[in-house]
Amino acid sequence: MTKKERFDKTIAYFEANNPFAETELKYQSPYELIVAVILSAQCTDVRVNLITPAFFQEFPDENVLAAAKEKDVFELIKSCSYPNNKSRNLIGMAKTLIEKFNGIVPDDIDELQQLPGVGRKTANVIASVVFNKPAMAVDTHVFRVSARIGLTTKAKNPLEAERQLVKHIPASKIPLAHHWLILHGRYVCKARKPLCNNCGLTGLCKYYSENK
């Protein structure tokens, strides 16, 4: 099977089985999504969705958050991982959003990464989810699943995986493909024990062919 055939068949499978894939983080504005994605680092979306309702009630926009004290932010997010760093980054993100971007979330990957707490993965999520740009965010799920299926080959880090994926996935499908791979990794192609018996991709999966 050629690389193109593997990509084409993978995309066709997901289009047939999960045509409306989307983020599981709950948000109502670009500001809220940035907050949620920052909180989601090393933390589950389920946990983040438990935290954000009270957070957004207390800090409904970047102006209120920018004026917040770290200890007050910490109290609302302390059940997630690394709450000290995230409290500092969230306030810094809000201040930078106001000072550099007039409170408007930018759609440019490089500009997004100027916001504290926003690395390349988070920037790609915002660009993809909010602005429907062909940006491929590579988290642990995407990195693992794409390697197992054989979409990526010997990628040493997320950036290498990202470059291989965007090279072969049509730009119009990249925002969806990001969610396809994440959700497949979260619920089927799990890290410790992939549920191959419940997977429709076994016919083209390198991992399955090598381990069946």
N, C-alpha and C. Protein backbone atom coordinates (compact mmCIF):
# COMPACT_ATOMS: atom_id res chain seq x y z
N MET A 1 0.85 -1.19 0.00
CA MET A 1 0.00 0.00 0.00
C MET A 1 0.89 1.25 0.00
N THR A 2 0.61 2.16 -0.91
CA THR A 2 1.40 3.39 -0.96
C THR A 2 0.96 4.35 0.15
N LYS A 3 1.79 5.33 0.41
CA LYS A 3 1.46 6.33 1.43
C LYS A 3 0.15 7.03 1.07
N LYS A 4 0.01 7.38 -0.20
CA LYS A 4 -1.21 8.08 -0.64
C LYS A 4 -2.45 7.21 -0.42
N GLU A 5 -2.35 5.93 -0.75
CA GLU A 5 -3.48 5.02 -0.56
C GLU A 5 -3.86 4.91 0.91
N ARG A 6 -2.85 4.86 1.78
CA ARG A 6 -3.12 4.75 3.21
C ARG A 6 -3.84 6.01 3.71
N PHE A 7 -3.38 7.17 3.28
CA PHE A 7 -4.04 8.41 3.67
C PHE A 7 -5.46 8.47 3.12
N ASP A 8 -5.61 8.14 1.84
CA ASP A 8 -6.93 8.21 1.20
C ASP A 8 -7.93 7.29 1.91
N LYS A 9 -7.50 6.08 2.24
CA LYS A 9 -8.41 5.13 2.89
C LYS A 9 -8.71 5.54 4.32
N THR A 10 -7.73 6.09 5.01
CA THR A 10 -7.96 6.57 6.38
C THR A 10 -8.96 7.71 6.39
N ILE A 11 -8.77 8.67 5.50
CA ILE A 11 -9.69 9.80 5.40
C ILE A 11 -11.09 9.33 5.04
N ALA A 12 -11.18 8.41 4.08
CA ALA A 12 -12.49 7.90 3.66
C ALA A 12 -13.21 7.21 4.82
N TYR A 13 -12.45 6.48 5.63
CA TYR A 13 -13.04 5.79 6.78
C TYR A 13 -13.63 6.81 7.77
N PHE A 14 -12.84 7.81 8.11
CA PHE A 14 -13.31 8.79 9.09
C PHE A 14 -14.46 9.63 8.54
N GLU A 15 -14.41 9.96 7.26
CA GLU A 15 -15.51 10.73 6.66
C GLU A 15 -16.82 9.95 6.73
N ALA A 16 -16.72 8.64 6.60
CA ALA A 16 -17.93 7.81 6.65
C ALA A 16 -18.41 7.57 8.07
N ASN A 17 -17.48 7.52 9.02
CA ASN A 17 -17.84 7.12 10.38
C ASN A 17 -17.87 8.26 11.40
N ASN A 18 -17.26 9.40 11.09
CA ASN A 18 -17.27 10.52 12.03
C ASN A 18 -17.19 11.83 11.25
N PRO A 19 -18.18 12.10 10.42
CA PRO A 19 -18.10 13.25 9.50
C PRO A 19 -18.17 14.61 10.18
N PHE A 20 -18.66 14.66 11.42
CA PHE A 20 -18.82 15.95 12.10
C PHE A 20 -17.98 16.03 13.37
N ALA A 21 -16.78 15.45 13.33
CA ALA A 21 -15.91 15.46 14.51
C ALA A 21 -15.59 16.89 14.94
N GLU A 22 -15.55 17.09 16.25
CA GLU A 22 -15.24 18.42 16.78
C GLU A 22 -14.61 18.29 18.16
N THR A 23 -14.06 19.39 18.64
CA THR A 23 -13.43 19.37 19.95
C THR A 23 -14.44 19.03 21.04
N GLU A 24 -13.97 18.36 22.08
CA GLU A 24 -14.84 18.03 23.21
C GLU A 24 -14.75 19.10 24.30
N LEU A 25 -13.90 20.09 24.11
CA LEU A 25 -13.84 21.21 25.04
C LEU A 25 -15.05 22.11 24.81
N LYS A 26 -15.65 22.58 25.89
CA LYS A 26 -16.83 23.43 25.78
C LYS A 26 -16.40 24.90 25.84
N TYR A 27 -16.85 25.66 24.85
CA TYR A 27 -16.47 27.08 24.78
C TYR A 27 -17.52 27.83 23.96
N GLN A 28 -17.55 29.15 24.11
CA GLN A 28 -18.51 29.96 23.36
C GLN A 28 -17.84 31.13 22.66
N SER A 29 -16.52 31.26 22.79
CA SER A 29 -15.82 32.37 22.14
C SER A 29 -14.35 31.98 21.99
N PRO A 30 -13.61 32.67 21.13
CA PRO A 30 -12.17 32.39 20.99
C PRO A 30 -11.43 32.52 22.32
N TYR A 31 -11.80 33.53 23.11
CA TYR A 31 -11.18 33.69 24.44
C TYR A 31 -11.40 32.45 25.29
N GLU A 32 -12.61 31.95 25.32
CA GLU A 32 -12.92 30.78 26.15
C GLU A 32 -12.17 29.55 25.65
N LEU A 33 -12.00 29.42 24.34
CA LEU A 33 -11.28 28.25 23.83
C LEU A 33 -9.81 28.32 24.20
N ILE A 34 -9.21 29.50 24.13
CA ILE A 34 -7.81 29.63 24.53
C ILE A 34 -7.64 29.22 25.99
N VAL A 35 -8.51 29.70 26.84
CA VAL A 35 -8.45 29.33 28.26
C VAL A 35 -8.56 27.82 28.41
N ALA A 36 -9.53 27.22 27.73
CA ALA A 36 -9.76 25.78 27.85
C ALA A 36 -8.57 24.98 27.35
N VAL A 37 -7.99 25.40 26.24
CA VAL A 37 -6.85 24.65 25.69
C VAL A 37 -5.62 24.79 26.57
N ILE A 38 -5.40 25.96 27.14
CA ILE A 38 -4.29 26.13 28.08
C ILE A 38 -4.49 25.21 29.29
N LEU A 39 -5.70 25.15 29.78
CA LEU A 39 -6.00 24.28 30.92
C LEU A 39 -5.85 22.80 30.56
N SER A 40 -6.05 22.45 29.30
CA SER A 40 -6.07 21.04 28.90
C SER A 40 -4.70 20.39 28.81
N ALA A 41 -3.63 21.19 28.90
CA ALA A 41 -2.28 20.61 28.84
C ALA A 41 -2.08 19.63 29.99
N GLN A 42 -1.76 18.38 29.67
CA GLN A 42 -1.56 17.32 30.66
C GLN A 42 -2.79 17.13 31.54
N CYS A 43 -3.96 17.43 30.97
CA CYS A 43 -5.20 17.30 31.73
C CYS A 43 -6.31 16.87 30.76
N THR A 44 -7.27 16.13 31.23
CA THR A 44 -8.33 15.64 30.35
C THR A 44 -9.34 16.74 30.03
N ASP A 45 -9.97 16.60 28.87
CA ASP A 45 -11.03 17.54 28.50
C ASP A 45 -12.20 17.47 29.48
N VAL A 46 -12.45 16.28 29.99
CA VAL A 46 -13.53 16.10 30.96
C VAL A 46 -13.28 16.97 32.19
N ARG A 47 -12.06 16.94 32.69
CA ARG A 47 -11.70 17.75 33.86
C ARG A 47 -11.80 19.23 33.53
N VAL A 48 -11.31 19.63 32.38
CA VAL A 48 -11.36 21.04 31.98
C VAL A 48 -12.81 21.52 31.91
N ASN A 49 -13.68 20.70 31.36
CA ASN A 49 -15.09 21.09 31.23
C ASN A 49 -15.79 21.21 32.58
N LEU A 50 -15.24 20.58 33.60
CA LEU A 50 -15.78 20.74 34.95
C LEU A 50 -15.32 22.05 35.58
N ILE A 51 -14.14 22.50 35.16
CA ILE A 51 -13.53 23.70 35.72
C ILE A 51 -14.07 24.98 35.08
N THR A 52 -14.23 24.97 33.76
CA THR A 52 -14.47 26.22 33.04
C THR A 52 -15.80 26.94 33.32
N PRO A 53 -16.90 26.26 33.64
CA PRO A 53 -18.12 27.04 33.90
C PRO A 53 -17.95 28.08 35.01
N ALA A 54 -17.40 27.66 36.13
CA ALA A 54 -17.17 28.59 37.24
C ALA A 54 -16.11 29.62 36.87
N PHE A 55 -15.10 29.17 36.12
CA PHE A 55 -14.02 30.08 35.70
C PHE A 55 -14.58 31.20 34.83
N PHE A 56 -15.40 30.85 33.84
CA PHE A 56 -15.92 31.87 32.93
C PHE A 56 -16.97 32.76 33.60
N GLN A 57 -17.59 32.25 34.64
CA GLN A 57 -18.52 33.09 35.39
C GLN A 57 -17.75 34.17 36.15
N GLU A 58 -16.58 33.76 36.67
CA GLU A 58 -15.74 34.70 37.42
C GLU A 58 -14.93 35.60 36.51
N PHE A 59 -14.43 35.02 35.41
CA PHE A 59 -13.58 35.76 34.47
C PHE A 59 -14.17 35.64 33.06
N PRO A 60 -15.22 36.39 32.76
CA PRO A 60 -15.95 36.22 31.50
C PRO A 60 -15.22 36.68 30.25
N ASP A 61 -14.19 37.50 30.43
CA ASP A 61 -13.43 37.95 29.25
C ASP A 61 -12.01 38.30 29.66
N GLU A 62 -11.22 38.66 28.66
CA GLU A 62 -9.79 38.92 28.90
C GLU A 62 -9.56 40.14 29.79
N ASN A 63 -10.47 41.09 29.79
CA ASN A 63 -10.28 42.29 30.61
C ASN A 63 -10.38 41.95 32.10
N VAL A 64 -11.34 41.15 32.46
CA VAL A 64 -11.52 40.75 33.85
C VAL A 64 -10.36 39.83 34.27
N LEU A 65 -9.97 38.91 33.39
CA LEU A 65 -8.89 37.98 33.72
C LEU A 65 -7.56 38.71 33.87
N ALA A 66 -7.32 39.70 33.03
CA ALA A 66 -6.05 40.44 33.08
C ALA A 66 -5.86 41.15 34.42
N ALA A 67 -6.96 41.51 35.05
CA ALA A 67 -6.89 42.22 36.33
C ALA A 67 -6.94 41.27 37.53
N ALA A 68 -6.97 39.99 37.28
CA ALA A 68 -7.12 39.01 38.36
C ALA A 68 -5.82 38.80 39.12
N LYS A 69 -5.96 38.27 40.32
CA LYS A 69 -4.80 37.87 41.12
C LYS A 69 -4.58 36.37 40.92
N GLU A 70 -3.32 35.98 40.90
CA GLU A 70 -2.99 34.58 40.65
C GLU A 70 -3.68 33.64 41.64
N LYS A 71 -3.75 34.05 42.88
CA LYS A 71 -4.34 33.18 43.90
C LYS A 71 -5.82 32.93 43.63
N ASP A 72 -6.50 33.92 43.06
CA ASP A 72 -7.92 33.76 42.75
C ASP A 72 -8.14 32.82 41.56
N VAL A 73 -7.25 32.94 40.57
CA VAL A 73 -7.32 32.03 39.42
C VAL A 73 -6.98 30.61 39.88
N PHE A 74 -5.95 30.51 40.71
CA PHE A 74 -5.52 29.21 41.21
C PHE A 74 -6.65 28.47 41.91
N GLU A 75 -7.43 29.17 42.71
CA GLU A 75 -8.51 28.53 43.46
C GLU A 75 -9.53 27.87 42.54
N LEU A 76 -9.70 28.45 41.36
CA LEU A 76 -10.70 27.91 40.44
C LEU A 76 -10.16 26.78 39.56
N ILE A 77 -8.83 26.71 39.43
CA ILE A 77 -8.28 25.70 38.51
C ILE A 77 -7.38 24.70 39.22
N LYS A 78 -7.38 24.70 40.54
CA LYS A 78 -6.43 23.88 41.29
C LYS A 78 -6.62 22.38 41.11
N SER A 79 -7.77 21.97 40.58
CA SER A 79 -7.99 20.53 40.38
C SER A 79 -7.38 20.02 39.07
N CYS A 80 -6.84 20.93 38.26
CA CYS A 80 -6.19 20.48 37.03
C CYS A 80 -4.68 20.41 37.28
N SER A 81 -3.95 19.88 36.32
CA SER A 81 -2.50 19.74 36.47
C SER A 81 -1.81 21.10 36.35
N TYR A 82 -0.70 21.25 37.07
CA TYR A 82 0.14 22.45 37.03
C TYR A 82 -0.64 23.76 37.21
N PRO A 83 -1.46 23.86 38.24
CA PRO A 83 -2.30 25.05 38.40
C PRO A 83 -1.51 26.33 38.63
N ASN A 84 -0.34 26.24 39.26
CA ASN A 84 0.45 27.45 39.49
C ASN A 84 0.90 28.07 38.17
N ASN A 85 1.51 27.25 37.32
CA ASN A 85 1.96 27.74 36.01
C ASN A 85 0.80 28.22 35.17
N LYS A 86 -0.29 27.48 35.18
CA LYS A 86 -1.43 27.84 34.36
C LYS A 86 -2.10 29.12 34.84
N SER A 87 -2.12 29.35 36.14
CA SER A 87 -2.68 30.60 36.66
C SER A 87 -1.90 31.79 36.14
N ARG A 88 -0.58 31.66 36.20
CA ARG A 88 0.30 32.74 35.72
C ARG A 88 0.13 32.94 34.21
N ASN A 89 0.10 31.84 33.48
CA ASN A 89 -0.03 31.94 32.02
C ASN A 89 -1.38 32.50 31.59
N LEU A 90 -2.44 32.13 32.27
CA LEU A 90 -3.76 32.61 31.90
C LEU A 90 -3.87 34.13 32.07
N ILE A 91 -3.35 34.63 33.16
CA ILE A 91 -3.36 36.08 33.37
C ILE A 91 -2.46 36.76 32.34
N GLY A 92 -1.28 36.18 32.11
CA GLY A 92 -0.36 36.73 31.11
C GLY A 92 -0.97 36.71 29.72
N MET A 93 -1.68 35.65 29.40
CA MET A 93 -2.34 35.55 28.10
C MET A 93 -3.34 36.68 27.92
N ALA A 94 -4.15 36.91 28.96
CA ALA A 94 -5.17 37.97 28.89
C ALA A 94 -4.54 39.35 28.73
N LYS A 95 -3.47 39.60 29.48
CA LYS A 95 -2.79 40.90 29.39
C LYS A 95 -2.18 41.11 28.00
N THR A 96 -1.54 40.07 27.48
CA THR A 96 -0.91 40.17 26.16
C THR A 96 -1.96 40.32 25.07
N LEU A 97 -3.08 39.63 25.22
CA LEU A 97 -4.16 39.73 24.25
C LEU A 97 -4.66 41.18 24.15
N ILE A 98 -4.72 41.85 25.29
CA ILE A 98 -5.17 43.25 25.32
C ILE A 98 -4.09 44.19 24.78
N GLU A 99 -2.87 44.00 25.29
CA GLU A 99 -1.78 44.94 24.97
C GLU A 99 -1.29 44.83 23.53
N LYS A 100 -1.21 43.61 23.00
CA LYS A 100 -0.64 43.42 21.66
C LYS A 100 -1.70 43.29 20.56
N PHE A 101 -2.88 42.81 20.94
CA PHE A 101 -3.87 42.48 19.91
C PHE A 101 -5.23 43.15 20.14
N ASN A 102 -5.25 44.17 21.00
CA ASN A 102 -6.49 44.93 21.24
C ASN A 102 -7.67 44.04 21.63
N GLY A 103 -7.35 42.92 22.32
CA GLY A 103 -8.40 42.04 22.81
C GLY A 103 -8.98 41.12 21.75
N ILE A 104 -8.41 41.14 20.56
CA ILE A 104 -8.90 40.29 19.47
C ILE A 104 -7.96 39.11 19.29
N VAL A 105 -8.49 37.91 19.39
CA VAL A 105 -7.67 36.71 19.23
C VAL A 105 -7.16 36.64 17.79
N PRO A 106 -5.84 36.61 17.60
CA PRO A 106 -5.30 36.55 16.23
C PRO A 106 -5.51 35.17 15.61
N ASP A 107 -5.50 35.13 14.29
CA ASP A 107 -5.66 33.85 13.59
C ASP A 107 -4.33 33.33 13.04
N ASP A 108 -3.25 34.07 13.29
CA ASP A 108 -1.93 33.69 12.79
C ASP A 108 -1.19 32.83 13.82
N ILE A 109 -0.61 31.73 13.36
CA ILE A 109 0.06 30.79 14.26
C ILE A 109 1.18 31.46 15.05
N ASP A 110 2.00 32.25 14.39
CA ASP A 110 3.12 32.91 15.06
C ASP A 110 2.64 33.95 16.07
N GLU A 111 1.60 34.69 15.72
CA GLU A 111 1.07 35.68 16.65
C GLU A 111 0.42 35.01 17.85
N LEU A 112 -0.27 33.93 17.63
CA LEU A 112 -0.90 33.20 18.74
C LEU A 112 0.15 32.72 19.74
N GLN A 113 1.32 32.33 19.24
CA GLN A 113 2.37 31.82 20.13
C GLN A 113 3.04 32.92 20.95
N GLN A 114 2.68 34.17 20.69
CA GLN A 114 3.17 35.26 21.54
C GLN A 114 2.39 35.35 22.86
N LEU A 115 1.27 34.64 22.92
CA LEU A 115 0.46 34.63 24.13
C LEU A 115 1.04 33.64 25.13
N PRO A 116 1.27 34.04 26.38
CA PRO A 116 1.78 33.12 27.40
C PRO A 116 0.91 31.87 27.53
N GLY A 117 1.56 30.72 27.59
CA GLY A 117 0.82 29.46 27.72
C GLY A 117 0.38 28.87 26.40
N VAL A 118 0.64 29.58 25.31
CA VAL A 118 0.23 29.11 23.99
C VAL A 118 1.46 28.69 23.19
N GLY A 119 1.67 27.38 23.08
CA GLY A 119 2.73 26.86 22.24
C GLY A 119 2.19 26.54 20.86
N ARG A 120 2.98 25.86 20.06
CA ARG A 120 2.56 25.58 18.68
C ARG A 120 1.30 24.72 18.64
N LYS A 121 1.22 23.72 19.51
CA LYS A 121 0.05 22.84 19.49
C LYS A 121 -1.22 23.64 19.80
N THR A 122 -1.18 24.45 20.85
CA THR A 122 -2.34 25.25 21.22
C THR A 122 -2.69 26.25 20.12
N ALA A 123 -1.68 26.87 19.53
CA ALA A 123 -1.91 27.83 18.45
C ALA A 123 -2.60 27.15 17.27
N ASN A 124 -2.16 25.94 16.96
CA ASN A 124 -2.77 25.20 15.86
C ASN A 124 -4.24 24.85 16.17
N VAL A 125 -4.50 24.51 17.42
CA VAL A 125 -5.89 24.21 17.81
C VAL A 125 -6.77 25.44 17.59
N ILE A 126 -6.32 26.60 18.06
CA ILE A 126 -7.11 27.83 17.93
C ILE A 126 -7.32 28.16 16.45
N ALA A 127 -6.24 28.10 15.67
CA ALA A 127 -6.33 28.43 14.24
C ALA A 127 -7.28 27.49 13.52
N SER A 128 -7.23 26.23 13.89
CA SER A 128 -8.06 25.21 13.24
C SER A 128 -9.51 25.29 13.67
N VAL A 129 -9.74 25.30 14.98
CA VAL A 129 -11.10 25.22 15.51
C VAL A 129 -11.86 26.54 15.33
N VAL A 130 -11.22 27.64 15.63
CA VAL A 130 -11.91 28.93 15.57
C VAL A 130 -11.95 29.49 14.16
N PHE A 131 -10.82 29.37 13.45
CA PHE A 131 -10.72 30.03 12.15
C PHE A 131 -10.73 29.06 10.96
N ASN A 132 -10.88 27.77 11.26
CA ASN A 132 -10.96 26.74 10.21
C ASN A 132 -9.75 26.75 9.28
N LYS A 133 -8.60 27.06 9.84
CA LYS A 133 -7.38 27.08 9.04
C LYS A 133 -6.78 25.67 8.96
N PRO A 134 -6.01 25.38 7.92
CA PRO A 134 -5.41 24.05 7.77
C PRO A 134 -4.20 23.87 8.68
N ALA A 135 -4.45 23.91 9.98
CA ALA A 135 -3.40 23.77 10.99
C ALA A 135 -3.60 22.44 11.72
N MET A 136 -2.56 21.65 11.78
CA MET A 136 -2.64 20.32 12.40
C MET A 136 -1.98 20.34 13.77
N ALA A 137 -2.79 20.33 14.81
CA ALA A 137 -2.27 20.27 16.17
C ALA A 137 -1.91 18.83 16.50
N VAL A 138 -0.67 18.59 16.89
CA VAL A 138 -0.23 17.23 17.19
C VAL A 138 -0.03 17.08 18.69
N ASP A 139 -1.00 16.43 19.33
CA ASP A 139 -0.85 16.09 20.74
C ASP A 139 -0.40 14.64 20.83
N THR A 140 -0.42 14.08 22.03
CA THR A 140 0.06 12.71 22.21
C THR A 140 -0.81 11.71 21.44
N HIS A 141 -2.11 11.98 21.36
CA HIS A 141 -3.01 11.08 20.63
C HIS A 141 -2.70 11.09 19.13
N VAL A 142 -2.61 12.28 18.57
CA VAL A 142 -2.34 12.41 17.14
C VAL A 142 -0.98 11.80 16.80
N PHE A 143 0.00 12.08 17.63
CA PHE A 143 1.36 11.56 17.39
C PHE A 143 1.35 10.03 17.39
N ARG A 144 0.67 9.44 18.37
CA ARG A 144 0.63 7.98 18.50
C ARG A 144 -0.17 7.33 17.38
N VAL A 145 -1.37 7.83 17.14
CA VAL A 145 -2.27 7.21 16.16
C VAL A 145 -1.69 7.31 14.75
N SER A 146 -1.18 8.46 14.38
CA SER A 146 -0.65 8.63 13.03
C SER A 146 0.55 7.72 12.78
N ALA A 147 1.36 7.50 13.83
CA ALA A 147 2.51 6.60 13.70
C ALA A 147 2.04 5.15 13.60
N ARG A 148 1.07 4.78 14.41
CA ARG A 148 0.60 3.39 14.40
C ARG A 148 -0.04 3.04 13.06
N ILE A 149 -0.89 3.90 12.57
CA ILE A 149 -1.54 3.62 11.29
C ILE A 149 -0.52 3.56 10.16
N GLY A 150 0.49 4.40 10.27
CA GLY A 150 1.49 4.48 9.22
C GLY A 150 1.38 5.74 8.39
N LEU A 151 0.63 6.71 8.91
CA LEU A 151 0.52 8.00 8.23
C LEU A 151 1.80 8.79 8.37
N THR A 152 2.47 8.63 9.51
CA THR A 152 3.78 9.24 9.70
C THR A 152 4.82 8.14 9.80
N THR A 153 6.04 8.48 9.44
CA THR A 153 7.12 7.50 9.45
C THR A 153 8.34 8.07 10.16
N LYS A 154 8.70 7.46 11.28
CA LYS A 154 9.89 7.84 12.05
C LYS A 154 9.91 9.31 12.43
N ALA A 155 8.76 9.86 12.71
CA ALA A 155 8.70 11.25 13.19
C ALA A 155 9.27 11.30 14.60
N LYS A 156 10.25 12.14 14.83
CA LYS A 156 10.93 12.19 16.12
C LYS A 156 10.24 13.10 17.12
N ASN A 157 9.39 13.98 16.64
CA ASN A 157 8.72 14.93 17.53
C ASN A 157 7.42 15.41 16.87
N PRO A 158 6.58 16.12 17.62
CA PRO A 158 5.30 16.57 17.07
C PRO A 158 5.42 17.42 15.80
N LEU A 159 6.47 18.26 15.72
CA LEU A 159 6.61 19.10 14.54
C LEU A 159 6.87 18.27 13.29
N GLU A 160 7.71 17.25 13.41
CA GLU A 160 7.95 16.36 12.28
C GLU A 160 6.67 15.64 11.87
N ALA A 161 5.91 15.18 12.86
CA ALA A 161 4.64 14.52 12.57
C ALA A 161 3.68 15.48 11.87
N GLU A 162 3.61 16.71 12.37
CA GLU A 162 2.74 17.73 11.78
C GLU A 162 3.08 17.95 10.31
N ARG A 163 4.36 18.08 10.01
CA ARG A 163 4.79 18.34 8.63
C ARG A 163 4.44 17.18 7.70
N GLN A 164 4.59 15.95 8.20
CA GLN A 164 4.24 14.80 7.37
C GLN A 164 2.74 14.73 7.12
N LEU A 165 1.96 15.03 8.14
CA LEU A 165 0.50 14.95 8.01
C LEU A 165 -0.05 16.01 7.05
N VAL A 166 0.40 17.25 7.21
CA VAL A 166 -0.15 18.31 6.36
C VAL A 166 0.31 18.17 4.90
N LYS A 167 1.39 17.44 4.71
CA LYS A 167 1.88 17.20 3.35
C LYS A 167 0.93 16.30 2.56
N HIS A 168 0.26 15.39 3.27
CA HIS A 168 -0.54 14.38 2.59
C HIS A 168 -2.05 14.53 2.78
N ILE A 169 -2.48 15.35 3.73
CA ILE A 169 -3.92 15.54 3.94
C ILE A 169 -4.35 16.81 3.23
N PRO A 170 -5.39 16.76 2.40
CA PRO A 170 -5.88 17.97 1.73
C PRO A 170 -6.17 19.08 2.74
N ALA A 171 -5.78 20.30 2.40
CA ALA A 171 -5.90 21.42 3.33
C ALA A 171 -7.32 21.57 3.88
N SER A 172 -8.32 21.33 3.04
CA SER A 172 -9.71 21.51 3.46
C SER A 172 -10.14 20.49 4.51
N LYS A 173 -9.40 19.38 4.60
CA LYS A 173 -9.77 18.32 5.54
C LYS A 173 -8.92 18.32 6.82
N ILE A 174 -7.91 19.16 6.88
CA ILE A 174 -7.01 19.15 8.04
C ILE A 174 -7.73 19.50 9.34
N PRO A 175 -8.60 20.51 9.38
CA PRO A 175 -9.30 20.79 10.65
C PRO A 175 -10.08 19.59 11.18
N LEU A 176 -10.72 18.84 10.29
CA LEU A 176 -11.45 17.64 10.70
C LEU A 176 -10.49 16.52 11.08
N ALA A 177 -9.43 16.36 10.29
CA ALA A 177 -8.48 15.27 10.53
C ALA A 177 -7.85 15.37 11.91
N HIS A 178 -7.62 16.58 12.37
CA HIS A 178 -7.09 16.81 13.72
C HIS A 178 -8.00 16.14 14.75
N HIS A 179 -9.30 16.35 14.63
CA HIS A 179 -10.24 15.76 15.59
C HIS A 179 -10.40 14.26 15.37
N TRP A 180 -10.38 13.82 14.12
CA TRP A 180 -10.47 12.38 13.86
C TRP A 180 -9.39 11.62 14.61
N LEU A 181 -8.17 12.09 14.49
CA LEU A 181 -7.04 11.37 15.08
C LEU A 181 -7.05 11.45 16.60
N ILE A 182 -7.41 12.62 17.14
CA ILE A 182 -7.48 12.77 18.59
C ILE A 182 -8.54 11.83 19.18
N LEU A 183 -9.73 11.86 18.61
CA LEU A 183 -10.83 11.06 19.15
C LEU A 183 -10.56 9.56 18.96
N HIS A 184 -9.95 9.20 17.86
CA HIS A 184 -9.61 7.79 17.64
C HIS A 184 -8.60 7.33 18.69
N GLY A 185 -7.65 8.20 19.01
CA GLY A 185 -6.66 7.85 20.02
C GLY A 185 -7.24 7.83 21.42
N ARG A 186 -8.21 8.67 21.65
CA ARG A 186 -8.81 8.77 22.99
C ARG A 186 -9.72 7.57 23.30
N TYR A 187 -10.43 7.08 22.29
CA TYR A 187 -11.45 6.07 22.55
C TYR A 187 -11.19 4.69 21.94
N VAL A 188 -10.33 4.61 20.93
CA VAL A 188 -10.07 3.32 20.27
C VAL A 188 -8.59 2.96 20.33
N CYS A 189 -7.76 3.75 19.72
CA CYS A 189 -6.33 3.45 19.64
C CYS A 189 -5.62 3.96 20.89
N LYS A 190 -5.99 3.40 22.03
CA LYS A 190 -5.47 3.86 23.32
C LYS A 190 -3.99 3.51 23.47
N ALA A 191 -3.32 4.28 24.32
CA ALA A 191 -1.87 4.14 24.43
C ALA A 191 -1.45 2.76 24.92
N ARG A 192 -1.99 2.32 26.03
CA ARG A 192 -1.53 1.07 26.63
C ARG A 192 -2.16 -0.17 26.01
N LYS A 193 -3.42 -0.05 25.66
CA LYS A 193 -4.12 -1.21 25.12
C LYS A 193 -5.10 -0.78 24.03
N PRO A 194 -4.61 -0.67 22.80
CA PRO A 194 -5.50 -0.27 21.71
C PRO A 194 -6.61 -1.29 21.49
N LEU A 195 -7.81 -0.79 21.22
CA LEU A 195 -8.97 -1.66 21.04
C LEU A 195 -9.09 -2.05 19.57
N CYS A 196 -8.15 -2.84 19.12
CA CYS A 196 -8.10 -3.20 17.70
C CYS A 196 -9.35 -3.94 17.24
N ASN A 197 -9.97 -4.70 18.13
CA ASN A 197 -11.18 -5.43 17.75
C ASN A 197 -12.36 -4.50 17.45
N ASN A 198 -12.27 -3.27 17.93
CA ASN A 198 -13.33 -2.29 17.70
C ASN A 198 -12.94 -1.26 16.64
N CYS A 199 -11.85 -1.50 15.94
CA CYS A 199 -11.31 -0.51 15.00
C CYS A 199 -11.59 -0.90 13.56
N GLY A 200 -12.03 0.06 12.78
CA GLY A 200 -12.30 -0.19 11.37
C GLY A 200 -11.12 0.07 10.47
N LEU A 201 -9.97 0.37 11.07
CA LEU A 201 -8.79 0.69 10.28
C LEU A 201 -7.75 -0.44 10.25
N THR A 202 -8.10 -1.58 10.81
CA THR A 202 -7.10 -2.66 10.92
C THR A 202 -6.59 -3.13 9.56
N GLY A 203 -7.41 -3.00 8.53
CA GLY A 203 -7.00 -3.45 7.21
C GLY A 203 -5.89 -2.65 6.59
N LEU A 204 -5.64 -1.45 7.14
CA LEU A 204 -4.56 -0.62 6.59
C LEU A 204 -3.57 -0.16 7.66
N CYS A 205 -3.76 -0.62 8.88
CA CYS A 205 -2.92 -0.18 10.01
C CYS A 205 -1.63 -0.98 10.11
N LYS A 206 -0.51 -0.30 10.10
CA LYS A 206 0.79 -0.96 10.22
C LYS A 206 0.95 -1.63 11.57
N TYR A 207 0.52 -0.95 12.63
CA TYR A 207 0.64 -1.50 13.97
C TYR A 207 -0.11 -2.83 14.08
N TYR A 208 -1.32 -2.87 13.53
CA TYR A 208 -2.12 -4.07 13.61
C TYR A 208 -1.50 -5.21 12.81
N SER A 209 -1.00 -4.91 11.63
CA SER A 209 -0.42 -5.95 10.80
C SER A 209 0.85 -6.54 11.42
N GLU A 210 1.53 -5.73 12.23
CA GLU A 210 2.76 -6.20 12.87
C GLU A 210 2.52 -6.90 14.19
N ASN A 211 1.31 -6.72 14.78
CA ASN A 211 1.06 -7.25 16.11
C ASN A 211 -0.13 -8.21 16.20
N LYS A 212 -0.78 -8.48 15.11
CA LYS A 212 -1.97 -9.36 15.17
C LYS A 212 -1.57 -10.82 15.42
